[in-house]
Amino acid sequence: MPFTIQPAVEADYDAIIELWEASVRASHHFLPEDDILFFKPLIRQQYLQAVDLYCLRSPEDQISGFLGLSEDKIEMLFIDPAAFGRGYGRQLLDFAVRDRKIRKVDVNEQNSQAVAFYQKMGFRTVSRDPFDGMGKPYPILHLELEPLRLHRCDSGHPDFITLVRLLDADLAVRDGADHAFYHQFNTIAALQHCVVAYLGDRAAGCGAFKPFDAGSVEIKRMYVLPEYRGRGVAAAVLQELETWARDSGVLHCVLETGKKQPEAIALYRKSGYQQIPNYGQYAGIENSVCFRKDIAVY
């Protein structure tokens, strides 16, 4: 069973504060003992009650991390040091961004690991305070999530080419012996309708469409970098492609994906695509799943 994120209850507070102390001692090396002892009762008696609090629970119901949110901001995110490096921080952050629409976080500047983690996940520093909220000399960086920017281009765009190469490498692993069959239909030569999604200056995802038949286009080359998945990038790219197609007079979008890409299938179903019989070269191909969506506005 996977780890799950659940709302915390007061009965969890003792375990949460123990985890907080262990995590701080493992990561906040700049904090002296006196300050750890100063903050601990404040967190237990005041801070936990002041936020929307969530726990990351193991299948054995052990708390491996916790998250505190207020409006559009992360107020606290801590992981059990025994579980560092396992992706649990990202799981909590993805939940905060995707499900709770969080955009901001404050980080101790001296906690270089946390700063690097949030920067890697698409946050940027917008301001700095030389003291923390208690007036102590621990500089605070105020970070905000980079807005998603969508750029229309053709298949000659270098960032689109780079992302497609990464997509092909991923598909080669997923498709195995079937990859050569699929690859022949995925050339990007002369694609005129491509979208690249950017978080900050980094190209995070892409997609494209090409003519299919009268009134229809085929969605192609959908991909998001692993570190940006779960943030709505693919959905935004797909929506932009549909808008572009609709504005060009297109009535329908069709697409093919593979059964070994369950996240793609889930995205298309959630985006209103209906499964149809496999078309064209994919007819009779066991691994292929085809979809269609009507995008015309009447």
C-alpha atoms as a PDB file:
ATOM      1  CA  MET A   1       0.000   0.000   0.000  1.00  0.00           C
ATOM      2  CA  PRO A   2       1.246   3.526  -0.733  1.00  0.00           C
ATOM      3  CA  PHE A   3       1.871   6.257   1.806  1.00  0.00           C
ATOM      4  CA  THR A   4      -1.191   8.470   2.184  1.00  0.00           C
ATOM      5  CA  ILE A   5      -1.756  12.107   3.149  1.00  0.00           C
ATOM      6  CA  GLN A   6      -4.499  12.599   5.724  1.00  0.00           C
ATOM      7  CA  PRO A   7      -5.669  15.481   7.927  1.00  0.00           C
ATOM      8  CA  ALA A   8      -3.963  15.396  11.316  1.00  0.00           C
ATOM      9  CA  VAL A   9      -5.907  15.206  14.568  1.00  0.00           C
ATOM     10  CA  GLU A  10      -4.900  16.311  18.043  1.00  0.00           C
ATOM     11  CA  ALA A  11      -3.972  12.745  18.964  1.00  0.00           C
ATOM     12  CA  ASP A  12      -1.176  13.012  16.373  1.00  0.00           C
ATOM     13  CA  TYR A  13       0.446  16.064  17.962  1.00  0.00           C
ATOM     14  CA  ASP A  14       2.907  14.227  20.213  1.00  0.00           C
ATOM     15  CA  ALA A  15       4.221  12.150  17.313  1.00  0.00           C
ATOM     16  CA  ILE A  16       4.371  15.236  15.102  1.00  0.00           C
ATOM     17  CA  ILE A  17       6.405  17.253  17.604  1.00  0.00           C
ATOM     18  CA  GLU A  18       8.831  14.351  18.059  1.00  0.00           C
ATOM     19  CA  LEU A  19       9.250  14.180  14.295  1.00  0.00           C
ATOM     20  CA  TRP A  20       9.713  17.975  14.128  1.00  0.00           C
ATOM     21  CA  GLU A  21      12.527  17.889  16.690  1.00  0.00           C
ATOM     22  CA  ALA A  22      14.310  14.986  14.995  1.00  0.00           C
ATOM     23  CA  SER A  23      14.018  16.667  11.599  1.00  0.00           C
ATOM     24  CA  VAL A  24      15.248  20.026  12.904  1.00  0.00           C
ATOM     25  CA  ARG A  25      18.241  18.436  14.601  1.00  0.00           C
ATOM     26  CA  ALA A  26      19.102  16.644  11.367  1.00  0.00           C
ATOM     27  CA  SER A  27      18.728  19.657   9.065  1.00  0.00           C
ATOM     28  CA  HIS A  28      18.828  22.953  10.998  1.00  0.00           C
ATOM     29  CA  HIS A  29      22.437  22.750  12.149  1.00  0.00           C
ATOM     30  CA  PHE A  30      22.541  26.519  12.567  1.00  0.00           C
ATOM     31  CA  LEU A  31      20.034  26.394  15.458  1.00  0.00           C
ATOM     32  CA  PRO A  32      21.583  26.198  18.928  1.00  0.00           C
ATOM     33  CA  GLU A  33      20.085  23.943  21.576  1.00  0.00           C
ATOM     34  CA  ASP A  34      18.473  26.843  23.411  1.00  0.00           C
ATOM     35  CA  ASP A  35      16.491  27.866  20.333  1.00  0.00           C
ATOM     36  CA  ILE A  36      15.300  24.341  19.621  1.00  0.00           C
ATOM     37  CA  LEU A  37      13.996  24.164  23.175  1.00  0.00           C
ATOM     38  CA  PHE A  38      12.478  27.640  22.772  1.00  0.00           C
ATOM     39  CA  PHE A  39      10.530  26.780  19.606  1.00  0.00           C
ATOM     40  CA  LYS A  40       9.393  23.270  20.590  1.00  0.00           C
ATOM     41  CA  PRO A  41       6.607  24.222  23.060  1.00  0.00           C
ATOM     42  CA  LEU A  42       5.456  27.060  20.789  1.00  0.00           C
ATOM     43  CA  ILE A  43       4.961  24.629  17.930  1.00  0.00           C
ATOM     44  CA  ARG A  44       3.190  22.073  20.154  1.00  0.00           C
ATOM     45  CA  GLN A  45       0.923  24.564  21.910  1.00  0.00           C
ATOM     46  CA  GLN A  46       0.302  27.236  19.258  1.00  0.00           C
ATOM     47  CA  TYR A  47       1.572  26.628  15.738  1.00  0.00           C
ATOM     48  CA  LEU A  48       0.049  23.212  15.052  1.00  0.00           C
ATOM     49  CA  GLN A  49      -3.433  24.495  15.901  1.00  0.00           C
ATOM     50  CA  ALA A  50      -2.995  27.580  13.720  1.00  0.00           C
ATOM     51  CA  VAL A  51      -2.599  25.729  10.395  1.00  0.00           C
ATOM     52  CA  ASP A  52      -4.370  23.164   8.265  1.00  0.00           C
ATOM     53  CA  LEU A  53      -2.287  20.189   9.296  1.00  0.00           C
ATOM     54  CA  TYR A  54      -1.706  17.018   7.262  1.00  0.00           C
ATOM     55  CA  CYS A  55       0.281  13.866   7.980  1.00  0.00           C
ATOM     56  CA  LEU A  56       2.029  11.525   5.593  1.00  0.00           C
ATOM     57  CA  ARG A  57       1.239   8.067   6.922  1.00  0.00           C
ATOM     58  CA  SER A  58       2.866   4.756   6.119  1.00  0.00           C
ATOM     59  CA  PRO A  59       0.799   1.607   5.506  1.00  0.00           C
ATOM     60  CA  GLU A  60       1.587   0.774   9.157  1.00  0.00           C
ATOM     61  CA  ASP A  61       0.024   4.121  10.210  1.00  0.00           C
ATOM     62  CA  GLN A  62       3.369   5.652  11.147  1.00  0.00           C
ATOM     63  CA  ILE A  63       3.794   9.395  10.531  1.00  0.00           C
ATOM     64  CA  SER A  64       6.739   9.950   8.178  1.00  0.00           C
ATOM     65  CA  GLY A  65       6.174  13.642   7.518  1.00  0.00           C
ATOM     66  CA  PHE A  66       3.770  16.489   8.094  1.00  0.00           C
ATOM     67  CA  LEU A  67       2.612  19.639   6.368  1.00  0.00           C
ATOM     68  CA  GLY A  68       1.056  22.825   7.734  1.00  0.00           C
ATOM     69  CA  LEU A  69      -0.821  25.181   5.396  1.00  0.00           C
ATOM     70  CA  SER A  70      -2.431  28.591   5.729  1.00  0.00           C
ATOM     71  CA  GLU A  71      -4.319  30.130   2.806  1.00  0.00           C
ATOM     72  CA  ASP A  72      -1.884  29.948  -0.142  1.00  0.00           C
ATOM     73  CA  LYS A  73       1.262  29.328   1.903  1.00  0.00           C
ATOM     74  CA  ILE A  74       3.238  26.418   3.336  1.00  0.00           C
ATOM     75  CA  GLU A  75       3.915  27.220   6.968  1.00  0.00           C
ATOM     76  CA  MET A  76       5.741  24.003   7.809  1.00  0.00           C
ATOM     77  CA  LEU A  77       6.932  20.862   6.013  1.00  0.00           C
ATOM     78  CA  PHE A  78       9.059  18.339   7.868  1.00  0.00           C
ATOM     79  CA  ILE A  79      10.132  14.775   7.124  1.00  0.00           C
ATOM     80  CA  ASP A  80      11.339  12.097   9.516  1.00  0.00           C
ATOM     81  CA  PRO A  81      15.151  12.083   9.040  1.00  0.00           C
ATOM     82  CA  ALA A  82      15.026   8.287   8.761  1.00  0.00           C
ATOM     83  CA  ALA A  83      13.001   8.840   5.570  1.00  0.00           C
ATOM     84  CA  PHE A  84      15.101  11.598   3.981  1.00  0.00           C
ATOM     85  CA  GLY A  85      15.708  11.118   0.271  1.00  0.00           C
ATOM     86  CA  ARG A  86      12.668   8.946  -0.406  1.00  0.00           C
ATOM     87  CA  GLY A  87      10.520  11.544  -2.151  1.00  0.00           C
ATOM     88  CA  TYR A  88       8.146  12.143   0.760  1.00  0.00           C
ATOM     89  CA  GLY A  89       8.826  15.884   0.809  1.00  0.00           C
ATOM     90  CA  ARG A  90       7.899  16.078  -2.824  1.00  0.00           C
ATOM     91  CA  GLN A  91       4.745  14.025  -2.214  1.00  0.00           C
ATOM     92  CA  LEU A  92       3.616  16.520   0.431  1.00  0.00           C
ATOM     93  CA  LEU A  93       4.598  19.500  -1.725  1.00  0.00           C
ATOM     94  CA  ASP A  94       2.777  18.112  -4.766  1.00  0.00           C
ATOM     95  CA  PHE A  95      -0.342  17.697  -2.632  1.00  0.00           C
ATOM     96  CA  ALA A  96      -0.045  21.276  -1.378  1.00  0.00           C
ATOM     97  CA  VAL A  97       0.413  22.728  -4.870  1.00  0.00           C
ATOM     98  CA  ARG A  98      -2.027  20.517  -6.753  1.00  0.00           C
ATOM     99  CA  ASP A  99      -4.855  20.036  -4.268  1.00  0.00           C
ATOM    100  CA  ARG A 100      -4.570  23.097  -2.045  1.00  0.00           C
ATOM    101  CA  LYS A 101      -3.281  25.594  -4.652  1.00  0.00           C
ATOM    102  CA  ILE A 102      -0.324  26.631  -2.507  1.00  0.00           C
ATOM    103  CA  ARG A 103       1.986  29.228  -4.092  1.00  0.00           C
ATOM    104  CA  LYS A 104       4.249  30.505  -1.285  1.00  0.00           C
ATOM    105  CA  VAL A 105       6.688  29.270   1.337  1.00  0.00           C
ATOM    106  CA  ASP A 106       9.184  30.847   3.756  1.00  0.00           C
ATOM    107  CA  VAL A 107      12.517  29.079   4.277  1.00  0.00           C
ATOM    108  CA  ASN A 108      15.458  29.646   6.600  1.00  0.00           C
ATOM    109  CA  GLU A 109      18.252  30.874   4.351  1.00  0.00           C
ATOM    110  CA  GLN A 110      20.750  28.784   6.329  1.00  0.00           C
ATOM    111  CA  ASN A 111      18.786  25.608   5.573  1.00  0.00           C
ATOM    112  CA  SER A 112      20.492  25.138   2.213  1.00  0.00           C
ATOM    113  CA  GLN A 113      18.918  21.734   1.556  1.00  0.00           C
ATOM    114  CA  ALA A 114      15.402  23.130   1.887  1.00  0.00           C
ATOM    115  CA  VAL A 115      16.229  26.154  -0.263  1.00  0.00           C
ATOM    116  CA  ALA A 116      17.625  23.884  -2.990  1.00  0.00           C
ATOM    117  CA  PHE A 117      14.576  21.582  -2.754  1.00  0.00           C
ATOM    118  CA  TYR A 118      12.057  24.386  -3.269  1.00  0.00           C
ATOM    119  CA  GLN A 119      14.097  25.964  -6.045  1.00  0.00           C
ATOM    120  CA  LYS A 120      14.249  22.627  -7.843  1.00  0.00           C
ATOM    121  CA  MET A 121      10.486  22.334  -7.486  1.00  0.00           C
ATOM    122  CA  GLY A 122       9.900  25.650  -9.236  1.00  0.00           C
ATOM    123  CA  PHE A 123       9.934  28.236  -6.436  1.00  0.00           C
ATOM    124  CA  ARG A 124      11.918  31.469  -6.673  1.00  0.00           C
ATOM    125  CA  THR A 125      13.030  33.963  -4.030  1.00  0.00           C
ATOM    126  CA  VAL A 126      11.002  37.168  -4.102  1.00  0.00           C
ATOM    127  CA  SER A 127      12.303  38.830  -0.930  1.00  0.00           C
ATOM    128  CA  ARG A 128      14.481  38.317   2.155  1.00  0.00           C
ATOM    129  CA  ASP A 129      14.237  39.304   5.799  1.00  0.00           C
ATOM    130  CA  PRO A 130      17.354  39.368   7.994  1.00  0.00           C
ATOM    131  CA  PHE A 131      15.381  38.074  10.998  1.00  0.00           C
ATOM    132  CA  ASP A 132      12.753  35.411  11.508  1.00  0.00           C
ATOM    133  CA  GLY A 133       9.233  36.076  12.779  1.00  0.00           C
ATOM    134  CA  MET A 134      10.404  36.028  16.401  1.00  0.00           C
ATOM    135  CA  GLY A 135      13.097  38.619  15.727  1.00  0.00           C
ATOM    136  CA  LYS A 136      15.897  36.074  15.934  1.00  0.00           C
ATOM    137  CA  PRO A 137      18.900  36.458  13.582  1.00  0.00           C
ATOM    138  CA  TYR A 138      17.937  33.666  11.196  1.00  0.00           C
ATOM    139  CA  PRO A 139      17.392  35.189   7.716  1.00  0.00           C
ATOM    140  CA  ILE A 140      14.157  34.151   6.014  1.00  0.00           C
ATOM    141  CA  LEU A 141      13.735  33.770   2.255  1.00  0.00           C
ATOM    142  CA  HIS A 142      10.223  34.369   0.936  1.00  0.00           C
ATOM    143  CA  LEU A 143       9.654  32.075  -2.054  1.00  0.00           C
ATOM    144  CA  GLU A 144       6.825  31.892  -4.561  1.00  0.00           C
ATOM    145  CA  LEU A 145       6.012  29.259  -7.132  1.00  0.00           C
ATOM    146  CA  GLU A 146       6.988  30.314 -10.623  1.00  0.00           C
ATOM    147  CA  PRO A 147       3.900  30.923 -12.789  1.00  0.00           C
ATOM    148  CA  LEU A 148       3.337  28.508 -15.637  1.00  0.00           C
ATOM    149  CA  ARG A 149       3.969  30.090 -19.034  1.00  0.00           C
ATOM    150  CA  LEU A 150       2.806  28.460 -22.294  1.00  0.00           C
ATOM    151  CA  HIS A 151       4.631  29.163 -25.542  1.00  0.00           C
ATOM    152  CA  ARG A 152       3.274  28.270 -28.994  1.00  0.00           C
ATOM    153  CA  CYS A 153       5.902  27.267 -31.531  1.00  0.00           C
ATOM    154  CA  ASP A 154       6.716  24.741 -34.250  1.00  0.00           C
ATOM    155  CA  SER A 155       8.776  21.564 -33.952  1.00  0.00           C
ATOM    156  CA  GLY A 156      12.005  23.390 -34.707  1.00  0.00           C
ATOM    157  CA  HIS A 157      12.033  25.038 -31.274  1.00  0.00           C
ATOM    158  CA  PRO A 158      15.113  23.778 -29.358  1.00  0.00           C
ATOM    159  CA  ASP A 159      13.272  23.276 -26.065  1.00  0.00           C
ATOM    160  CA  PHE A 160      10.570  21.248 -27.792  1.00  0.00           C
ATOM    161  CA  ILE A 161      13.250  19.095 -29.440  1.00  0.00           C
ATOM    162  CA  THR A 162      14.998  18.515 -26.101  1.00  0.00           C
ATOM    163  CA  LEU A 163      11.787  17.499 -24.337  1.00  0.00           C
ATOM    164  CA  VAL A 164      10.815  15.132 -27.162  1.00  0.00           C
ATOM    165  CA  ARG A 165      14.191  13.411 -26.904  1.00  0.00           C
ATOM    166  CA  LEU A 166      13.535  12.816 -23.217  1.00  0.00           C
ATOM    167  CA  LEU A 167      10.037  11.566 -24.053  1.00  0.00           C
ATOM    168  CA  ASP A 168      11.421   9.107 -26.597  1.00  0.00           C
ATOM    169  CA  ALA A 169      13.941   7.802 -24.070  1.00  0.00           C
ATOM    170  CA  ASP A 170      11.144   7.267 -21.547  1.00  0.00           C
ATOM    171  CA  LEU A 171       8.937   5.512 -24.116  1.00  0.00           C
ATOM    172  CA  ALA A 172      11.800   3.257 -25.207  1.00  0.00           C
ATOM    173  CA  VAL A 173      11.868   1.881 -21.660  1.00  0.00           C
ATOM    174  CA  ARG A 174       8.091   1.646 -21.256  1.00  0.00           C
ATOM    175  CA  ASP A 175       7.357   0.167 -24.677  1.00  0.00           C
ATOM    176  CA  GLY A 176      10.284  -2.230 -24.762  1.00  0.00           C
ATOM    177  CA  ALA A 177      10.231  -4.354 -27.898  1.00  0.00           C
ATOM    178  CA  ASP A 178       7.229  -2.411 -29.250  1.00  0.00           C
ATOM    179  CA  HIS A 179       9.076   0.913 -29.303  1.00  0.00           C
ATOM    180  CA  ALA A 180      10.254   0.703 -32.904  1.00  0.00           C
ATOM    181  CA  PHE A 181       6.663   0.243 -34.088  1.00  0.00           C
ATOM    182  CA  TYR A 182       5.400   3.314 -32.240  1.00  0.00           C
ATOM    183  CA  HIS A 183       8.439   5.467 -32.953  1.00  0.00           C
ATOM    184  CA  GLN A 184       7.840   5.427 -36.697  1.00  0.00           C
ATOM    185  CA  PHE A 185       4.587   7.348 -36.162  1.00  0.00           C
ATOM    186  CA  ASN A 186       6.058   9.919 -33.798  1.00  0.00           C
ATOM    187  CA  THR A 187       8.347  11.946 -36.013  1.00  0.00           C
ATOM    188  CA  ILE A 188       8.233  15.661 -35.230  1.00  0.00           C
ATOM    189  CA  ALA A 189       9.363  16.818 -38.658  1.00  0.00           C
ATOM    190  CA  ALA A 190       7.270  19.763 -39.863  1.00  0.00           C
ATOM    191  CA  LEU A 191       4.887  19.885 -36.895  1.00  0.00           C
ATOM    192  CA  GLN A 192       3.444  23.388 -37.020  1.00  0.00           C
ATOM    193  CA  HIS A 193       1.453  23.403 -33.774  1.00  0.00           C
ATOM    194  CA  CYS A 194       3.567  22.746 -30.681  1.00  0.00           C
ATOM    195  CA  VAL A 195       3.348  24.056 -27.113  1.00  0.00           C
ATOM    196  CA  VAL A 196       6.179  24.276 -24.587  1.00  0.00           C
ATOM    197  CA  ALA A 197       5.354  24.924 -20.920  1.00  0.00           C
ATOM    198  CA  TYR A 198       7.826  26.878 -18.797  1.00  0.00           C
ATOM    199  CA  LEU A 199       8.188  27.187 -15.050  1.00  0.00           C
ATOM    200  CA  GLY A 200      10.497  30.138 -14.676  1.00  0.00           C
ATOM    201  CA  ASP A 201      13.132  29.770 -17.349  1.00  0.00           C
ATOM    202  CA  ARG A 202      12.971  25.980 -17.465  1.00  0.00           C
ATOM    203  CA  ALA A 203      11.039  24.066 -20.102  1.00  0.00           C
ATOM    204  CA  ALA A 204       8.898  21.704 -18.022  1.00  0.00           C
ATOM    205  CA  GLY A 205       6.600  20.039 -20.569  1.00  0.00           C
ATOM    206  CA  CYS A 206       5.360  19.964 -24.135  1.00  0.00           C
ATOM    207  CA  GLY A 207       2.725  18.750 -26.552  1.00  0.00           C
ATOM    208  CA  ALA A 208       1.665  19.151 -30.173  1.00  0.00           C
ATOM    209  CA  PHE A 209      -1.050  18.388 -32.677  1.00  0.00           C
ATOM    210  CA  LYS A 210      -1.122  17.596 -36.373  1.00  0.00           C
ATOM    211  CA  PRO A 211      -3.891  17.269 -38.976  1.00  0.00           C
ATOM    212  CA  PHE A 212      -5.820  14.013 -38.759  1.00  0.00           C
ATOM    213  CA  ASP A 213      -8.878  14.246 -41.002  1.00  0.00           C
ATOM    214  CA  ALA A 214     -11.423  16.851 -42.012  1.00  0.00           C
ATOM    215  CA  GLY A 215     -12.308  18.698 -38.836  1.00  0.00           C
ATOM    216  CA  SER A 216      -9.946  16.735 -36.558  1.00  0.00           C
ATOM    217  CA  VAL A 217      -6.396  16.909 -35.263  1.00  0.00           C
ATOM    218  CA  GLU A 218      -4.278  14.327 -33.474  1.00  0.00           C
ATOM    219  CA  ILE A 219      -2.627  15.189 -30.162  1.00  0.00           C
ATOM    220  CA  LYS A 220       1.019  14.141 -30.139  1.00  0.00           C
ATOM    221  CA  ARG A 221       4.226  14.292 -28.102  1.00  0.00           C
ATOM    222  CA  MET A 222       2.779  15.030 -24.666  1.00  0.00           C
ATOM    223  CA  TYR A 223       5.505  15.017 -22.008  1.00  0.00           C
ATOM    224  CA  VAL A 224       6.334  16.568 -18.629  1.00  0.00           C
ATOM    225  CA  LEU A 225       9.678  16.359 -16.847  1.00  0.00           C
ATOM    226  CA  PRO A 226       9.412  13.951 -13.885  1.00  0.00           C
ATOM    227  CA  GLU A 227      10.172  16.621 -11.288  1.00  0.00           C
ATOM    228  CA  TYR A 228       7.232  18.743 -12.488  1.00  0.00           C
ATOM    229  CA  ARG A 229       4.587  16.034 -12.698  1.00  0.00           C
ATOM    230  CA  GLY A 230       1.506  16.345 -10.545  1.00  0.00           C
ATOM    231  CA  ARG A 231       1.430  20.146 -10.916  1.00  0.00           C
ATOM    232  CA  GLY A 232      -1.098  20.495 -13.718  1.00  0.00           C
ATOM    233  CA  VAL A 233       1.518  21.106 -16.425  1.00  0.00           C
ATOM    234  CA  ALA A 234       0.224  18.400 -18.762  1.00  0.00           C
ATOM    235  CA  ALA A 235      -3.386  19.520 -18.309  1.00  0.00           C
ATOM    236  CA  ALA A 236      -2.409  23.116 -19.098  1.00  0.00           C
ATOM    237  CA  VAL A 237      -0.509  22.069 -22.236  1.00  0.00           C
ATOM    238  CA  LEU A 238      -3.428  19.920 -23.397  1.00  0.00           C
ATOM    239  CA  GLN A 239      -5.903  22.742 -22.812  1.00  0.00           C
ATOM    240  CA  GLU A 240      -3.707  25.167 -24.750  1.00  0.00           C
ATOM    241  CA  LEU A 241      -3.500  22.749 -27.669  1.00  0.00           C
ATOM    242  CA  GLU A 242      -7.281  22.346 -27.652  1.00  0.00           C
ATOM    243  CA  THR A 243      -7.758  26.119 -27.574  1.00  0.00           C
ATOM    244  CA  TRP A 244      -5.352  26.591 -30.476  1.00  0.00           C
ATOM    245  CA  ALA A 245      -7.088  23.854 -32.457  1.00  0.00           C
ATOM    246  CA  ARG A 246     -10.561  25.235 -31.703  1.00  0.00           C
ATOM    247  CA  ASP A 247      -9.511  28.734 -32.752  1.00  0.00           C
ATOM    248  CA  SER A 248      -8.324  27.209 -36.027  1.00  0.00           C
ATOM    249  CA  GLY A 249     -11.756  25.742 -36.749  1.00  0.00           C
ATOM    250  CA  VAL A 250     -11.067  22.196 -35.538  1.00  0.00           C
ATOM    251  CA  LEU A 251     -14.037  20.225 -34.207  1.00  0.00           C
ATOM    252  CA  HIS A 252     -12.424  17.146 -32.647  1.00  0.00           C
ATOM    253  CA  CYS A 253      -9.168  15.955 -31.104  1.00  0.00           C
ATOM    254  CA  VAL A 254      -8.059  12.336 -31.253  1.00  0.00           C
ATOM    255  CA  LEU A 255      -5.028  10.677 -29.722  1.00  0.00           C
ATOM    256  CA  GLU A 256      -3.339   7.380 -29.000  1.00  0.00           C
ATOM    257  CA  THR A 257      -1.521   6.399 -25.844  1.00  0.00           C
ATOM    258  CA  GLY A 258      -0.268   3.155 -24.370  1.00  0.00           C
ATOM    259  CA  LYS A 259      -1.594   0.950 -21.615  1.00  0.00           C
ATOM    260  CA  LYS A 260       1.860   1.253 -20.029  1.00  0.00           C
ATOM    261  CA  GLN A 261       1.205   4.979 -19.505  1.00  0.00           C
ATOM    262  CA  PRO A 262      -1.551   4.949 -16.862  1.00  0.00           C
ATOM    263  CA  GLU A 263      -0.899   8.575 -15.862  1.00  0.00           C
ATOM    264  CA  ALA A 264      -1.569   9.683 -19.459  1.00  0.00           C
ATOM    265  CA  ILE A 265      -4.781   7.656 -19.624  1.00  0.00           C
ATOM    266  CA  ALA A 266      -5.933   9.230 -16.362  1.00  0.00           C
ATOM    267  CA  LEU A 267      -5.167  12.730 -17.681  1.00  0.00           C
ATOM    268  CA  TYR A 268      -7.153  12.222 -20.878  1.00  0.00           C
ATOM    269  CA  ARG A 269     -10.166  10.752 -19.104  1.00  0.00           C
ATOM    270  CA  LYS A 270     -10.131  13.602 -16.588  1.00  0.00           C
ATOM    271  CA  SER A 271      -9.889  16.101 -19.472  1.00  0.00           C
ATOM    272  CA  GLY A 272     -13.076  14.797 -21.090  1.00  0.00           C
ATOM    273  CA  TYR A 273     -11.697  12.359 -23.665  1.00  0.00           C
ATOM    274  CA  GLN A 274     -13.748   9.273 -24.482  1.00  0.00           C
ATOM    275  CA  GLN A 275     -12.183   5.976 -25.450  1.00  0.00           C
ATOM    276  CA  ILE A 276     -12.853   4.952 -29.052  1.00  0.00           C
ATOM    277  CA  PRO A 277     -11.905   1.925 -31.177  1.00  0.00           C
ATOM    278  CA  ASN A 278      -8.246   1.996 -32.099  1.00  0.00           C
ATOM    279  CA  TYR A 279      -7.840   3.880 -35.349  1.00  0.00           C
ATOM    280  CA  GLY A 280      -5.503   3.649 -38.333  1.00  0.00           C
ATOM    281  CA  GLN A 281      -2.136   2.050 -37.643  1.00  0.00           C
ATOM    282  CA  TYR A 282      -3.177   1.301 -34.048  1.00  0.00           C
ATOM    283  CA  ALA A 283      -6.115  -0.947 -35.015  1.00  0.00           C
ATOM    284  CA  GLY A 284      -5.545  -4.382 -33.499  1.00  0.00           C
ATOM    285  CA  ILE A 285      -2.569  -3.206 -31.387  1.00  0.00           C
ATOM    286  CA  GLU A 286      -3.132  -4.612 -27.918  1.00  0.00           C
ATOM    287  CA  ASN A 287      -1.029  -2.042 -26.066  1.00  0.00           C
ATOM    288  CA  SER A 288      -2.713   0.999 -27.677  1.00  0.00           C
ATOM    289  CA  VAL A 289      -5.657   2.972 -26.318  1.00  0.00           C
ATOM    290  CA  CYS A 290      -7.316   5.649 -28.470  1.00  0.00           C
ATOM    291  CA  PHE A 291      -9.425   8.605 -27.394  1.00  0.00           C
ATOM    292  CA  ARG A 292     -11.501  11.406 -28.891  1.00  0.00           C
ATOM    293  CA  LYS A 293     -12.912  14.674 -27.609  1.00  0.00           C
ATOM    294  CA  ASP A 294     -15.332  17.119 -29.208  1.00  0.00           C
ATOM    295  CA  ILE A 295     -13.906  20.614 -28.728  1.00  0.00           C
ATOM    296  CA  ALA A 296     -16.258  22.677 -30.874  1.00  0.00           C
ATOM    297  CA  VAL A 297     -18.243  25.450 -29.184  1.00  0.00           C
ATOM    298  CA  TYR A 298     -21.830  25.558 -30.384  1.00  0.00           C
END
